[in-house]
Structure formats: structure tokens, C-alpha cells
Amino acid sequence: MATLFLVRYGELELKSPPVRREFESHLRRNILEQFVREGITSRLRADHGHLYVEADDGERARQVLKRVFGVTSISAVEEVPTERTAIRDRLLQRAGERLAPGRRFAVRARRTGQHSFTSQELARDLGSDILEKFADRSLVVDLTRPDVELFVEVRGPRTYLYFDRIPGPGGLPLGVAGPLAALVDGPRGALGAYLMMKRGCRVSIVTVPSGEGFAREVLARFDPRARIQSSGSEPGAWAARLVEVAEASHADGVVLPIGVPEFPAAREAWGDRVLFSPTVGFSDEEVTERWRGVTALAQ
């Protein structure tokens, strides 16, 4: 049975309409590209601020969607008509499966479009319906620290029910910013490349032996088109290879894992080429913690 996902992309909504349409187009293409690589059959549609992805393999689709740049979160949803009776009946059925005796719960309702009820009225009425239906379970409404959250999102003639939000990487879709070339020599270099990918840059990667696993086992999962080249084990060989890759890919700049003390020498060595070092202000502990989050998304 196919699974329907509601896909959110918050930062794109801040753009002007023409730019947003372009970014949304990139996002849709990137999702489909990831699905093709994984062999997942899917169908996409959109409304303002959301994508809806129907996939035949829900679990694999979930893993793919949470590593697509631009996606802030996803939820597996059930679609029902925007009719109070249909919403109530299906939510009661689903709530009965999740609400054990004594649990604290909250109904979170949102509404887009013109309807005869407000979001607050819908949440209040559905909460009352749940308490009445399961009066023998001693349930408690708790809007601050609930054990279970029941989400109801009304969008025009369709309403979506869901119970969790799975975070994605956020940022901007790959391809909306210029290409870069990056050195990956370990977690700092890998995190730097990741952060520039998150800003929409396609990044060509040059590795030294200590960075191979970071690039091929983690970063490549975020970009099916990622070009990863090894510079070999000879000390210093990475610089010439990075220049070659940058020129071949017409990169707008290079990404280096350097700190503030190394920047003046790097600036002199690289001449007029634009340098990026997004981890320049991070301690090793911060790099390790942030990279741990990246690897979790890549699973």
C-alpha cells in the first residue's frame, strides 16, 4: 500500500514568487532524482508551501526524503475530505490506536482556505470528541507537555492527519547556488562541504585517505550526482587536484577546512580564487557534534 508524505520546505517561502517557483522546481527534481537512484516509484504534487509525495515503499521513501536539502520536515499523512464528520471519525479511529489509558494528549489543528470553523474551534471540538469517546481511559488534555500529539492540517477541500514530524536537513535545494570544489580530509572538511551543499551548492569533492569514508559513505547520500575524487596519499597532492577539479567543474570557489590562524597563508596561496571555510569558528567538539547529526540524517 502506498504511503503519502507531506513535505515541508520553510525557507523557500521567504523568496519572491518567481524565485520560489524556481527553487520549488529544483526541489521536486532533486526528490525525484533521489528516488530514481533508489528505485522507488513515486508521484508528486504541490500546493503553496508543501509538496505531497506518494511512494510505494514508504519506509525507504522516508529515509530518502529526510536527506533532501530544502526539506525542513516530513510527515506520513492520511488524507480525508474536509468534512467535520469525516475528520472526526477517522481521527477517533487513529487516536484509539495511540492513546493508552492515562495518557496526556493534544490536538494541533491548522487551516488554510475558507471554512466555517477556525483552527482553534476544530482542535477544541476534536479534543472533546476524543475525551467523550474514550471516557474510560482517563485521558488528559495537555497542550504544553503531551505524551501524544494528533495533528490535523486542513488545506482547502483536503485534510491531512498525522502524528509526528521527521526533521530534514533544511536549507536550500541543491543546484540553486553556484558550484564549488571542496577538500574533505576528515570531519571538519566533510562538515564544511555539507554546509555549502545545504546552501544550494553542488560540491565536487577531493579527498585524502582520511576523508574517503566521510565523503563516500555520508556526503554522497545527500547528492546522487556528487563527484568524489581521491588525491592519493602523497602529502600536498590534494591542492593540485583541487585546482583541477575546481576548473573542470567551473567552481565559483573552493571550500577548505581551515581555521582563523591558517587563513592568511591560505589566502595568499590561493590568489584570486574565492575561499569558503564555514567551520572556521567551530571547535573540534562542535564539529564532532554537528557531524553526528549529519550522519544520523544520512542513514
Protein backbone atom coordinates (compact mmCIF):
# COMPACT_ATOMS: atom_id res chain seq x y z
CA MET A 1 0.00 0.00 0.00
CA ALA A 2 1.37 3.42 -0.97
CA THR A 3 2.33 5.94 1.71
CA LEU A 4 1.54 9.64 1.38
CA PHE A 5 4.03 12.14 2.80
CA LEU A 6 3.53 15.83 3.47
CA VAL A 7 6.88 17.54 2.75
CA ARG A 8 7.58 20.99 4.21
CA TYR A 9 10.15 23.48 2.97
CA GLY A 10 10.06 26.54 5.18
CA GLU A 11 12.94 28.74 3.92
CA LEU A 12 11.73 28.71 0.31
CA GLU A 13 8.55 30.55 1.34
CA LEU A 14 10.63 33.65 2.13
CA LYS A 15 11.58 34.11 -1.52
CA SER A 16 9.74 36.19 -4.11
CA PRO A 17 7.18 34.23 -6.19
CA PRO A 18 9.42 33.78 -9.28
CA VAL A 19 12.40 32.70 -7.18
CA ARG A 20 10.23 30.42 -5.07
CA ARG A 21 8.87 28.72 -8.17
CA GLU A 22 12.39 28.13 -9.44
CA PHE A 23 13.54 26.75 -6.08
CA GLU A 24 10.47 24.52 -5.80
CA SER A 25 11.22 23.14 -9.27
CA HIS A 26 14.76 22.27 -8.16
CA LEU A 27 13.39 20.63 -5.03
CA ARG A 28 10.97 18.44 -6.97
CA ARG A 29 13.70 17.39 -9.40
CA ASN A 30 16.08 16.57 -6.56
CA ILE A 31 13.49 14.41 -4.81
CA LEU A 32 12.71 12.51 -8.00
CA GLU A 33 16.42 12.10 -8.72
CA GLN A 34 16.98 10.56 -5.30
CA PHE A 35 14.01 8.24 -5.77
CA VAL A 36 15.24 7.12 -9.20
CA ARG A 37 18.64 6.30 -7.71
CA GLU A 38 16.97 4.21 -5.01
CA GLY A 39 14.49 2.57 -7.41
CA ILE A 40 11.44 3.97 -5.59
CA THR A 41 8.24 4.57 -7.53
CA SER A 42 6.64 7.88 -6.56
CA ARG A 43 4.15 10.58 -7.54
CA LEU A 44 4.46 14.27 -6.59
CA ARG A 45 2.01 17.13 -6.39
CA ALA A 46 2.20 20.51 -4.73
CA ASP A 47 0.26 23.35 -3.18
CA HIS A 48 1.54 26.59 -1.68
CA GLY A 49 4.29 25.78 0.78
CA HIS A 50 4.03 21.97 0.67
CA LEU A 51 4.80 19.00 -1.50
CA TYR A 52 2.88 15.75 -1.35
CA VAL A 53 4.84 12.62 -2.21
CA GLU A 54 3.12 9.29 -2.64
CA ALA A 55 5.56 6.37 -2.63
CA ASP A 56 5.05 2.65 -2.99
CA ASP A 57 7.81 1.89 -0.47
CA GLY A 58 7.05 4.16 2.48
CA GLU A 59 9.98 3.27 4.71
CA ARG A 60 12.62 3.72 2.02
CA ALA A 61 10.94 6.92 0.84
CA ARG A 62 11.06 8.28 4.38
CA GLN A 63 14.81 7.71 4.55
CA VAL A 64 15.34 9.46 1.19
CA LEU A 65 13.15 12.48 1.90
CA LYS A 66 14.89 13.31 5.18
CA ARG A 67 18.20 13.85 3.38
CA VAL A 68 16.97 16.13 0.57
CA PHE A 69 18.24 19.68 1.02
CA GLY A 70 15.42 22.20 1.25
CA VAL A 71 13.16 19.81 3.16
CA THR A 72 12.57 21.03 6.72
CA SER A 73 10.40 18.12 7.85
CA ILE A 74 8.18 15.31 6.60
CA SER A 75 5.13 13.52 7.95
CA ALA A 76 3.39 10.36 6.83
CA VAL A 77 -0.22 11.53 6.45
CA GLU A 78 -3.68 10.19 5.86
CA GLU A 79 -5.91 12.24 3.57
CA VAL A 80 -9.63 12.69 4.25
CA PRO A 81 -12.22 15.11 2.85
CA THR A 82 -12.57 18.41 4.66
CA GLU A 83 -15.84 17.48 6.32
CA ARG A 84 -16.18 17.65 10.10
CA THR A 85 -17.72 14.18 10.33
CA ALA A 86 -15.05 12.54 8.15
CA ILE A 87 -12.25 14.25 10.08
CA ARG A 88 -13.73 13.32 13.46
CA ASP A 89 -14.44 9.69 12.61
CA ARG A 90 -11.00 8.96 11.19
CA LEU A 91 -9.17 10.84 13.94
CA LEU A 92 -11.07 8.92 16.61
CA GLN A 93 -10.11 5.66 14.96
CA ARG A 94 -6.45 6.61 14.76
CA ALA A 95 -6.41 8.11 18.27
CA GLY A 96 -7.83 4.91 19.69
CA GLU A 97 -4.75 3.08 18.40
CA ARG A 98 -2.33 5.51 20.06
CA LEU A 99 -3.88 6.71 23.29
CA ALA A 100 -3.27 4.29 26.14
CA PRO A 101 -5.08 4.86 29.46
CA GLY A 102 -3.88 7.86 31.44
CA ARG A 103 -2.02 9.49 28.54
CA ARG A 104 -1.79 13.24 28.07
CA PHE A 105 -2.62 14.39 24.56
CA ALA A 106 -3.00 17.49 22.42
CA VAL A 107 -4.81 18.10 19.14
CA ARG A 108 -2.89 20.53 16.93
CA ALA A 109 -5.07 21.93 14.13
CA ARG A 110 -4.05 24.22 11.28
CA ARG A 111 -6.24 25.56 8.50
CA THR A 112 -5.62 27.07 5.06
CA GLY A 113 -8.52 28.36 2.97
CA GLN A 114 -12.09 29.43 3.73
CA HIS A 115 -14.06 27.22 6.11
CA SER A 116 -16.95 27.52 8.53
CA PHE A 117 -14.68 26.89 11.52
CA THR A 118 -11.40 28.22 12.91
CA SER A 119 -8.33 26.15 13.75
CA GLN A 120 -8.96 26.68 17.47
CA GLU A 121 -12.59 25.57 17.18
CA LEU A 122 -11.61 22.45 15.28
CA ALA A 123 -8.92 21.50 17.80
CA ARG A 124 -11.26 22.13 20.73
CA ASP A 125 -14.11 20.10 19.26
CA LEU A 126 -11.88 17.17 18.28
CA GLY A 127 -10.30 17.13 21.73
CA SER A 128 -13.77 16.97 23.28
CA ASP A 129 -14.76 14.16 20.91
CA ILE A 130 -11.72 12.14 21.99
CA LEU A 131 -12.43 12.64 25.70
CA GLU A 132 -16.05 11.59 25.20
CA LYS A 133 -15.24 8.59 23.02
CA PHE A 134 -12.56 7.24 25.39
CA ALA A 135 -14.02 8.35 28.71
CA ASP A 136 -12.98 5.06 30.30
CA ARG A 137 -9.27 5.70 29.61
CA SER A 138 -8.80 8.70 31.95
CA LEU A 139 -7.16 10.77 29.21
CA VAL A 140 -5.96 14.31 29.92
CA VAL A 141 -5.63 17.24 27.53
CA ASP A 142 -2.17 18.80 27.94
CA LEU A 143 -1.18 21.41 25.36
CA THR A 144 2.23 22.02 26.94
CA ARG A 145 3.78 18.59 27.50
CA PRO A 146 1.60 15.97 25.85
CA ASP A 147 2.59 12.33 25.55
CA VAL A 148 0.84 12.13 22.18
CA GLU A 149 0.20 14.87 19.61
CA LEU A 150 -2.54 14.49 17.00
CA PHE A 151 -2.06 16.83 14.03
CA VAL A 152 -4.90 17.92 11.77
CA GLU A 153 -3.96 20.08 8.77
CA VAL A 154 -6.87 21.42 6.74
CA ARG A 155 -5.85 22.59 3.28
CA GLY A 156 -8.85 23.58 1.19
CA PRO A 157 -11.01 20.54 0.34
CA ARG A 158 -8.47 18.07 1.73
CA THR A 159 -7.46 17.41 5.32
CA TYR A 160 -4.34 15.55 6.45
CA LEU A 161 -3.97 13.64 9.71
CA TYR A 162 -0.55 12.76 11.09
CA PHE A 163 1.23 12.05 14.36
CA ASP A 164 4.86 13.09 14.02
CA ARG A 165 7.31 15.30 12.16
CA ILE A 166 10.61 13.87 10.97
CA PRO A 167 13.25 16.59 10.54
CA GLY A 168 15.08 17.06 7.26
CA PRO A 169 18.29 18.99 6.59
CA GLY A 170 16.53 22.26 5.70
CA GLY A 171 18.49 24.85 3.77
CA LEU A 172 18.08 25.32 0.01
CA PRO A 173 17.72 22.77 -2.79
CA LEU A 174 20.88 21.58 -4.47
CA GLY A 175 21.58 23.47 -7.65
CA VAL A 176 20.12 26.88 -6.81
CA ALA A 177 23.58 28.29 -5.99
CA GLY A 178 26.88 28.11 -7.85
CA PRO A 179 29.15 25.04 -7.90
CA LEU A 180 32.08 24.66 -5.52
CA ALA A 181 35.03 22.30 -5.01
CA ALA A 182 35.86 21.08 -1.51
CA LEU A 183 38.69 19.31 0.28
CA VAL A 184 37.46 16.57 2.60
CA ASP A 185 40.21 15.39 4.92
CA GLY A 186 38.10 14.40 7.92
CA PRO A 187 35.03 15.56 9.84
CA ARG A 188 35.85 19.27 9.58
CA GLY A 189 36.28 19.17 5.81
CA ALA A 190 33.21 16.97 5.43
CA LEU A 191 31.09 19.29 7.56
CA GLY A 192 32.29 22.29 5.56
CA ALA A 193 31.27 20.62 2.29
CA TYR A 194 27.91 19.64 3.79
CA LEU A 195 27.17 23.19 4.96
CA MET A 196 27.82 24.59 1.50
CA MET A 197 25.63 21.87 -0.04
CA LYS A 198 22.94 22.96 2.39
CA ARG A 199 23.12 26.46 0.90
CA GLY A 200 22.25 25.04 -2.53
CA CYS A 201 25.76 24.48 -3.95
CA ARG A 202 26.68 21.40 -5.94
CA VAL A 203 30.03 20.45 -4.44
CA SER A 204 32.74 18.45 -6.22
CA ILE A 205 34.84 16.70 -3.58
CA VAL A 206 38.54 15.93 -3.40
CA THR A 207 39.59 13.55 -0.64
CA VAL A 208 42.73 12.47 1.10
CA PRO A 209 42.74 8.95 2.60
CA SER A 210 41.44 10.15 5.97
CA GLY A 211 38.43 11.74 4.30
CA GLU A 212 37.34 8.95 1.96
CA GLY A 213 34.75 7.43 4.27
CA PHE A 214 33.23 10.78 5.21
CA ALA A 215 32.68 11.65 1.54
CA ARG A 216 31.61 8.35 0.05
CA GLU A 217 29.61 6.93 2.96
CA VAL A 218 27.84 10.12 4.10
CA LEU A 219 28.06 13.12 1.75
CA ALA A 220 27.30 11.09 -1.37
CA ARG A 221 23.97 10.09 0.14
CA PHE A 222 22.83 13.72 0.03
CA ASP A 223 23.70 14.22 -3.63
CA PRO A 224 23.33 11.43 -6.20
CA ARG A 225 25.47 13.46 -8.61
CA ALA A 226 28.33 14.14 -6.23
CA ARG A 227 31.74 13.83 -7.92
CA ILE A 228 34.29 12.44 -5.47
CA GLN A 229 37.94 12.13 -6.47
CA SER A 230 40.88 10.92 -4.43
CA SER A 231 44.13 12.87 -4.42
CA GLY A 232 46.10 9.84 -3.29
CA SER A 233 48.31 9.57 -0.25
CA GLU A 234 51.18 11.83 -1.32
CA PRO A 235 51.39 14.82 1.05
CA GLY A 236 50.18 18.06 -0.51
CA ALA A 237 48.89 16.40 -3.69
CA TRP A 238 45.34 17.44 -2.80
CA ALA A 239 45.98 21.11 -3.67
CA ALA A 240 46.78 20.45 -7.34
CA ARG A 241 43.88 18.03 -7.63
CA LEU A 242 41.51 20.54 -6.04
CA VAL A 243 42.57 23.16 -8.59
CA GLU A 244 41.94 20.69 -11.42
CA VAL A 245 38.51 19.79 -10.08
CA ALA A 246 37.57 23.43 -9.47
CA GLU A 247 38.48 24.41 -13.01
CA ALA A 248 36.84 21.38 -14.60
CA SER A 249 33.59 21.99 -12.73
CA HIS A 250 33.72 25.79 -13.24
CA ALA A 251 33.54 26.19 -9.49
CA ASP A 252 32.83 29.62 -8.03
CA GLY A 253 35.27 28.89 -5.20
CA VAL A 254 36.88 26.25 -3.02
CA VAL A 255 35.92 25.01 0.44
CA LEU A 256 38.81 24.41 2.83
CA PRO A 257 38.88 23.00 6.39
CA ILE A 258 40.98 25.83 7.83
CA GLY A 259 40.86 27.91 10.98
CA VAL A 260 41.49 31.59 11.57
CA PRO A 261 45.30 31.17 12.04
CA GLU A 262 45.62 29.36 8.68
CA PHE A 263 43.50 31.80 6.71
CA PRO A 264 46.16 34.41 5.79
CA ALA A 265 48.50 31.77 4.36
CA ALA A 266 45.62 30.10 2.51
CA ARG A 267 44.51 33.45 1.12
CA GLU A 268 47.98 34.08 -0.25
CA ALA A 269 48.38 30.56 -1.63
CA TRP A 270 45.05 30.58 -3.47
CA GLY A 271 45.39 34.03 -5.03
CA ASP A 272 42.19 35.41 -6.50
CA ARG A 273 40.18 32.24 -6.02
CA VAL A 274 37.22 32.61 -3.64
CA LEU A 275 37.69 30.68 -0.40
CA PHE A 276 34.98 29.31 1.87
CA SER A 277 35.55 27.88 5.34
CA PRO A 278 32.14 27.55 7.01
CA THR A 279 33.58 25.70 10.03
CA VAL A 280 36.19 28.36 10.77
CA GLY A 281 34.57 29.30 14.08
CA PHE A 282 33.80 25.77 15.28
CA SER A 283 35.76 23.94 17.95
CA ASP A 284 36.62 20.28 17.36
CA GLU A 285 33.85 19.36 19.80
CA GLU A 286 31.31 21.40 17.86
CA VAL A 287 32.42 19.80 14.60
CA THR A 288 32.04 16.34 16.10
CA GLU A 289 28.56 17.10 17.45
CA ARG A 290 27.30 18.64 14.22
CA TRP A 291 28.73 15.84 12.11
CA ARG A 292 26.96 13.33 14.32
CA GLY A 293 23.67 14.97 13.32
CA VAL A 294 24.63 14.84 9.64
CA THR A 295 25.39 11.12 9.79
CA ALA A 296 22.05 10.49 11.51
CA LEU A 297 20.22 12.17 8.61
CA ALA A 298 22.23 10.14 6.10
CA GLN A 299 21.10 6.78 7.50
